[in-house]
Amino acid sequence: MRQAAGRAVRVNGRTVHVEESGSGADWVVFEAGGGMGRTCWDPVLPRLADRARLVAYDRAGFGRSGRTTTQLSIEDLAADLAALVEAVVPDRFVLVAHSMGGLVARRAVEGFGRRLRGLLLLDPAAEGAPVYDTFDRTAVKVDRSLAVTQALFRFRPLARLASGNIARLFPPDTYAAMLAEDFVPSGTAQTRKEIKAVAAAIPRFRADPPAPPTCRTVLLSSSRPQRGRARHHAELAAHQRSWTESLPDGRFETVDSGHFIMAEQPEIVADRVEHLLDHAGRTDPGSA
């Protein structure tokens, strides 16, 4: 099993587990998608280890982080991300976020100001897409399914069977850590909470969208939809593109990948991180 060292960091009265790796003067922070934690970035991190200090973490309730007893909102998770950055990252940084983590990142971005050098979003949730018009009802159905999964995950052979799609995407040692830490009843319970957080956030994001990032933003959109989801996938990609192109410095790209771009195309992810690091110097242009 992977042997990366980590530490506990207190954020807003909660405890999150943080792993720091890499070397250099630059900093990159990673925000996972729903149901995932720090381990999902394993395919990317070695490709950036000689370029920057890398910070990956488990949100409260996941992996090695402290458990939560209350329902956290996307705003709560964004506040945790901001507190983590304040506690761990001493300089300007690039932020990378996947899927639901894109909502967390976009809400957190509002408070980062010029500290944020660049933003890389991997197949992020786009609240304006029609697929989210009925997400409240979708979330109820997903929760029922996850309740069954949560019970099944008490039995390790069934947990392996249910997470076989993940096993095929990630290195064996990464998957072993996921199986031990995330694909367990407590991890599924937290995933259920995060699905509810997304459902509650969609109308809030539509009514009061996060301020658009002013830094260079790159959005990588997957090209391969899940079976039977081609129309929803196309609509989501169209909204991802529209949002990116509305930004002062946005760049939209379609990537030959399924939803887990960091596992299927880690070289592209690492390359775009380096692009963002190269685009903005370390010195805050507003500090001169």
Protein backbone atom coordinates (compact mmCIF):
# COMPACT_ATOMS: atom_id res chain seq x y z
CA MET A 1 0.00 0.00 0.00
CA ARG A 2 1.12 3.56 -0.66
CA GLN A 3 3.22 5.02 2.16
CA ALA A 4 2.81 8.78 1.72
CA ALA A 5 3.20 10.69 4.97
CA GLY A 6 0.53 13.10 6.12
CA ARG A 7 -0.60 15.26 9.00
CA ALA A 8 -3.80 16.44 10.62
CA VAL A 9 -4.76 20.08 10.13
CA ARG A 10 -7.55 21.82 12.04
CA VAL A 11 -9.99 23.78 9.89
CA ASN A 12 -13.11 25.46 11.27
CA GLY A 13 -13.34 23.08 14.20
CA ARG A 14 -12.86 20.02 11.99
CA THR A 15 -9.78 17.93 11.24
CA VAL A 16 -8.58 17.13 7.73
CA HIS A 17 -5.75 14.84 6.72
CA VAL A 18 -3.20 16.52 4.46
CA GLU A 19 -0.38 15.04 2.40
CA GLU A 20 2.39 17.32 1.15
CA SER A 21 4.86 16.19 -1.48
CA GLY A 22 7.09 17.56 -4.19
CA SER A 23 9.68 20.31 -4.05
CA GLY A 24 10.26 23.76 -5.43
CA ALA A 25 9.12 27.32 -4.94
CA ASP A 26 5.67 26.85 -6.51
CA TRP A 27 2.54 25.49 -4.80
CA VAL A 28 -0.40 23.44 -6.11
CA VAL A 29 -3.51 22.47 -4.10
CA PHE A 30 -5.84 19.64 -5.13
CA GLU A 31 -9.58 19.36 -4.39
CA ALA A 32 -11.15 15.95 -5.05
CA GLY A 33 -14.57 15.18 -6.46
CA GLY A 34 -17.47 13.70 -4.53
CA GLY A 35 -16.78 10.36 -2.89
CA MET A 36 -13.04 10.77 -3.39
CA GLY A 37 -10.11 12.02 -1.35
CA ARG A 38 -6.43 12.76 -1.62
CA THR A 39 -5.58 9.37 -3.15
CA CYS A 40 -7.37 10.14 -6.42
CA TRP A 41 -4.51 12.49 -7.33
CA ASP A 42 -1.84 9.77 -7.11
CA PRO A 43 -1.50 9.41 -10.91
CA VAL A 44 -0.77 13.15 -11.27
CA LEU A 45 1.45 14.00 -8.30
CA PRO A 46 4.65 12.18 -9.37
CA ARG A 47 4.59 14.08 -12.66
CA LEU A 48 4.78 17.39 -10.78
CA ALA A 49 7.03 16.38 -7.88
CA ASP A 50 10.11 18.11 -9.30
CA ARG A 51 8.20 21.28 -10.15
CA ALA A 52 6.16 22.31 -7.11
CA ARG A 53 5.04 21.68 -3.55
CA LEU A 54 1.86 19.63 -3.82
CA VAL A 55 -0.99 19.61 -1.28
CA ALA A 56 -3.70 16.93 -1.42
CA TYR A 57 -6.18 16.27 1.36
CA ASP A 58 -9.26 14.38 2.47
CA ARG A 59 -12.30 16.55 3.12
CA ALA A 60 -13.77 16.21 6.60
CA GLY A 61 -15.49 12.86 6.88
CA PHE A 62 -13.41 11.10 4.23
CA GLY A 63 -10.31 8.94 4.27
CA ARG A 64 -8.08 9.70 7.23
CA SER A 65 -9.84 12.95 8.14
CA GLY A 66 -12.02 13.34 11.21
CA ARG A 67 -15.62 12.20 10.97
CA THR A 68 -18.48 14.70 10.79
CA THR A 69 -21.79 14.51 12.61
CA THR A 70 -23.57 17.37 10.82
CA GLN A 71 -24.61 18.02 7.24
CA LEU A 72 -21.96 20.27 5.70
CA SER A 73 -22.82 22.57 2.81
CA ILE A 74 -20.70 23.36 -0.24
CA GLU A 75 -20.03 26.70 1.45
CA ASP A 76 -18.76 24.86 4.54
CA LEU A 77 -16.45 22.75 2.39
CA ALA A 78 -15.23 25.88 0.60
CA ALA A 79 -14.50 27.48 3.96
CA ASP A 80 -12.52 24.37 4.94
CA LEU A 81 -10.51 24.60 1.72
CA ALA A 82 -9.78 28.28 2.36
CA ALA A 83 -8.73 27.54 5.95
CA LEU A 84 -6.49 24.71 4.77
CA VAL A 85 -4.76 26.99 2.28
CA GLU A 86 -4.29 29.61 4.98
CA ALA A 87 -2.75 27.04 7.32
CA VAL A 88 -0.50 25.16 4.89
CA VAL A 89 0.32 27.27 1.81
CA PRO A 90 2.56 30.31 2.44
CA ASP A 91 2.64 31.65 -1.12
CA ARG A 92 0.57 32.03 -4.27
CA PHE A 93 -0.74 28.76 -5.66
CA VAL A 94 -2.58 26.94 -8.44
CA LEU A 95 -5.83 25.17 -7.49
CA VAL A 96 -6.93 21.93 -9.21
CA ALA A 97 -10.45 20.54 -8.68
CA HIS A 98 -12.48 17.64 -10.04
CA SER A 99 -16.23 17.19 -10.53
CA MET A 100 -18.15 18.27 -7.38
CA GLY A 101 -14.87 19.73 -6.14
CA GLY A 102 -15.34 22.35 -8.84
CA LEU A 103 -18.27 23.79 -6.90
CA VAL A 104 -16.18 23.85 -3.72
CA ALA A 105 -13.26 25.46 -5.53
CA ARG A 106 -15.35 28.12 -7.28
CA ARG A 107 -16.95 29.20 -4.01
CA ALA A 108 -13.57 29.25 -2.26
CA VAL A 109 -11.96 31.24 -5.09
CA GLU A 110 -13.95 34.30 -4.09
CA GLY A 111 -11.75 34.77 -1.03
CA PHE A 112 -8.35 33.95 -2.50
CA GLY A 113 -7.83 37.15 -4.47
CA ARG A 114 -4.41 37.47 -6.05
CA ARG A 115 -3.06 34.53 -4.06
CA LEU A 116 -4.62 32.29 -6.70
CA ARG A 117 -2.26 32.01 -9.68
CA GLY A 118 -4.46 29.72 -11.76
CA LEU A 119 -7.46 27.38 -11.64
CA LEU A 120 -7.68 23.98 -13.34
CA LEU A 121 -11.10 22.30 -13.36
CA LEU A 122 -11.54 18.68 -14.43
CA ASP A 123 -15.04 17.88 -15.70
CA PRO A 124 -16.62 20.13 -13.06
CA ALA A 125 -20.28 20.29 -12.15
CA ALA A 126 -21.99 23.08 -14.12
CA GLU A 127 -25.09 24.12 -12.22
CA GLY A 128 -26.71 25.82 -15.21
CA ALA A 129 -26.93 22.64 -17.30
CA PRO A 130 -30.42 21.17 -17.77
CA VAL A 131 -29.34 17.91 -16.11
CA TYR A 132 -29.37 19.84 -12.81
CA ASP A 133 -32.94 21.10 -13.25
CA THR A 134 -34.21 18.03 -11.42
CA PHE A 135 -31.12 17.21 -9.39
CA ASP A 136 -33.07 17.35 -6.14
CA ARG A 137 -35.05 14.32 -7.30
CA THR A 138 -31.94 12.67 -8.71
CA ALA A 139 -30.19 13.11 -5.37
CA VAL A 140 -33.00 11.23 -3.60
CA LYS A 141 -32.61 8.29 -5.99
CA VAL A 142 -28.83 8.32 -5.65
CA ASP A 143 -29.13 8.41 -1.87
CA ARG A 144 -31.33 5.31 -1.88
CA SER A 145 -28.80 3.50 -4.04
CA LEU A 146 -25.91 4.60 -1.82
CA ALA A 147 -27.77 3.41 1.27
CA VAL A 148 -27.65 -0.10 -0.20
CA THR A 149 -24.00 0.36 -1.13
CA GLN A 150 -23.21 1.53 2.40
CA ALA A 151 -24.59 -1.72 3.79
CA LEU A 152 -22.77 -3.83 1.19
CA PHE A 153 -19.45 -2.14 1.96
CA ARG A 154 -19.42 -3.86 5.36
CA PHE A 155 -18.40 -6.97 3.41
CA ARG A 156 -14.99 -6.56 1.79
CA PRO A 157 -15.54 -8.89 -1.21
CA LEU A 158 -18.69 -6.93 -2.09
CA ALA A 159 -16.82 -3.63 -1.67
CA ARG A 160 -14.24 -4.85 -4.19
CA LEU A 161 -16.97 -5.92 -6.58
CA ALA A 162 -18.87 -2.62 -6.31
CA SER A 163 -15.72 -0.54 -6.83
CA GLY A 164 -14.31 -2.55 -9.71
CA ASN A 165 -14.56 0.39 -12.13
CA ILE A 166 -12.24 2.39 -9.88
CA ALA A 167 -9.81 -0.52 -9.54
CA ARG A 168 -9.38 -0.51 -13.32
CA LEU A 169 -8.48 3.19 -13.41
CA PHE A 170 -6.03 3.67 -10.55
CA PRO A 171 -2.70 2.04 -9.61
CA PRO A 172 -3.06 -1.04 -7.36
CA ASP A 173 -1.59 0.65 -4.28
CA THR A 174 -3.86 3.65 -4.73
CA TYR A 175 -6.92 1.45 -5.11
CA ALA A 176 -5.89 -0.53 -2.01
CA ALA A 177 -5.87 2.71 0.00
CA MET A 178 -9.23 3.75 -1.45
CA LEU A 179 -10.70 0.35 -0.61
CA ALA A 180 -9.46 0.60 2.97
CA GLU A 181 -10.35 4.25 3.59
CA ASP A 182 -13.09 5.42 1.20
CA PHE A 183 -15.07 2.38 0.05
CA VAL A 184 -16.25 1.66 3.57
CA PRO A 185 -19.60 2.40 5.27
CA SER A 186 -18.37 5.67 6.82
CA GLY A 187 -17.03 6.88 3.47
CA THR A 188 -20.31 6.10 1.73
CA ALA A 189 -22.20 7.88 4.51
CA GLN A 190 -20.11 10.98 3.81
CA THR A 191 -20.70 10.65 0.07
CA ARG A 192 -24.44 10.65 0.77
CA LYS A 193 -24.03 13.88 2.71
CA GLU A 194 -22.10 15.46 -0.14
CA ILE A 195 -24.75 14.50 -2.70
CA LYS A 196 -27.27 16.31 -0.49
CA ALA A 197 -24.90 19.28 -0.27
CA VAL A 198 -24.73 19.48 -4.08
CA ALA A 199 -28.53 19.27 -4.37
CA ALA A 200 -28.89 22.15 -1.92
CA ALA A 201 -26.16 24.18 -3.62
CA ILE A 202 -27.57 24.06 -7.16
CA PRO A 203 -30.40 26.59 -6.60
CA ARG A 204 -28.07 28.80 -4.53
CA PHE A 205 -25.40 28.78 -7.25
CA ARG A 206 -28.04 29.57 -9.87
CA ALA A 207 -29.44 32.45 -7.83
CA ASP A 208 -26.11 33.74 -6.57
CA PRO A 209 -23.23 32.41 -8.70
CA PRO A 210 -19.71 32.58 -7.29
CA ALA A 211 -17.70 35.53 -8.50
CA PRO A 212 -15.84 34.46 -11.65
CA PRO A 213 -12.13 33.78 -11.17
CA THR A 214 -9.93 36.54 -12.51
CA CYS A 215 -6.86 34.31 -12.85
CA ARG A 216 -6.23 32.12 -15.87
CA THR A 217 -8.70 29.22 -15.77
CA VAL A 218 -8.42 25.99 -17.74
CA LEU A 219 -11.37 23.59 -17.89
CA LEU A 220 -10.83 20.03 -19.15
CA SER A 221 -14.06 18.37 -20.26
CA SER A 222 -14.28 14.61 -20.75
CA SER A 223 -15.25 13.39 -24.21
CA ARG A 224 -16.58 9.94 -23.30
CA PRO A 225 -20.01 9.86 -21.65
CA GLN A 226 -21.33 7.06 -19.51
CA ARG A 227 -23.57 4.60 -21.33
CA GLY A 228 -26.99 6.11 -21.95
CA ARG A 229 -25.87 9.60 -20.87
CA ALA A 230 -24.77 11.05 -24.21
CA ARG A 231 -27.39 13.84 -24.32
CA HIS A 232 -26.82 14.91 -20.70
CA HIS A 233 -23.08 14.77 -21.26
CA ALA A 234 -23.31 17.01 -24.34
CA GLU A 235 -25.47 19.53 -22.47
CA LEU A 236 -23.06 19.58 -19.54
CA ALA A 237 -20.07 20.10 -21.84
CA ALA A 238 -21.88 22.97 -23.58
CA HIS A 239 -22.43 24.72 -20.25
CA GLN A 240 -18.85 24.06 -19.19
CA ARG A 241 -17.68 25.68 -22.40
CA SER A 242 -20.06 28.63 -22.10
CA TRP A 243 -18.96 29.35 -18.52
CA THR A 244 -15.26 29.09 -19.36
CA GLU A 245 -15.55 31.35 -22.37
CA SER A 246 -17.33 33.97 -20.27
CA LEU A 247 -14.27 34.39 -18.05
CA PRO A 248 -11.67 37.11 -18.48
CA ASP A 249 -8.97 34.49 -19.09
CA GLY A 250 -10.64 31.13 -19.66
CA ARG A 251 -9.59 28.18 -21.80
CA PHE A 252 -11.86 25.20 -22.57
CA GLU A 253 -10.50 21.86 -23.78
CA THR A 254 -12.09 18.52 -24.58
CA VAL A 255 -9.99 15.57 -23.42
CA ASP A 256 -10.16 11.97 -24.65
CA SER A 257 -11.23 10.55 -21.31
CA GLY A 258 -14.06 9.45 -19.11
CA HIS A 259 -15.02 11.41 -16.02
CA PHE A 260 -11.87 10.56 -14.02
CA ILE A 261 -9.50 12.61 -16.15
CA MET A 262 -6.74 12.61 -13.52
CA ALA A 263 -6.59 8.80 -13.73
CA GLU A 264 -7.04 8.40 -17.48
CA GLN A 265 -5.00 11.38 -18.68
CA PRO A 266 -2.63 12.34 -15.85
CA GLU A 267 0.00 13.62 -18.28
CA ILE A 268 -2.45 16.19 -19.65
CA VAL A 269 -3.47 17.27 -16.17
CA ALA A 270 0.15 17.72 -15.12
CA ASP A 271 0.93 19.62 -18.32
CA ARG A 272 -1.93 22.06 -17.76
CA VAL A 273 -0.83 22.63 -14.16
CA GLU A 274 2.63 23.53 -15.45
CA HIS A 275 1.03 25.83 -18.00
CA LEU A 276 -0.76 27.69 -15.21
CA LEU A 277 2.41 27.89 -13.13
CA ASP A 278 4.32 29.25 -16.12
CA HIS A 279 1.60 31.75 -17.00
CA ALA A 280 1.78 33.67 -13.73
CA GLY A 281 5.00 34.48 -11.89
CA ARG A 282 5.39 33.84 -8.17
CA THR A 283 5.38 37.52 -7.25
CA ASP A 284 1.98 39.05 -6.67
CA PRO A 285 1.61 41.65 -9.44
CA GLY A 286 -0.38 43.83 -7.06
CA SER A 287 2.38 43.97 -4.45
CA ALA A 288 4.93 45.95 -6.42
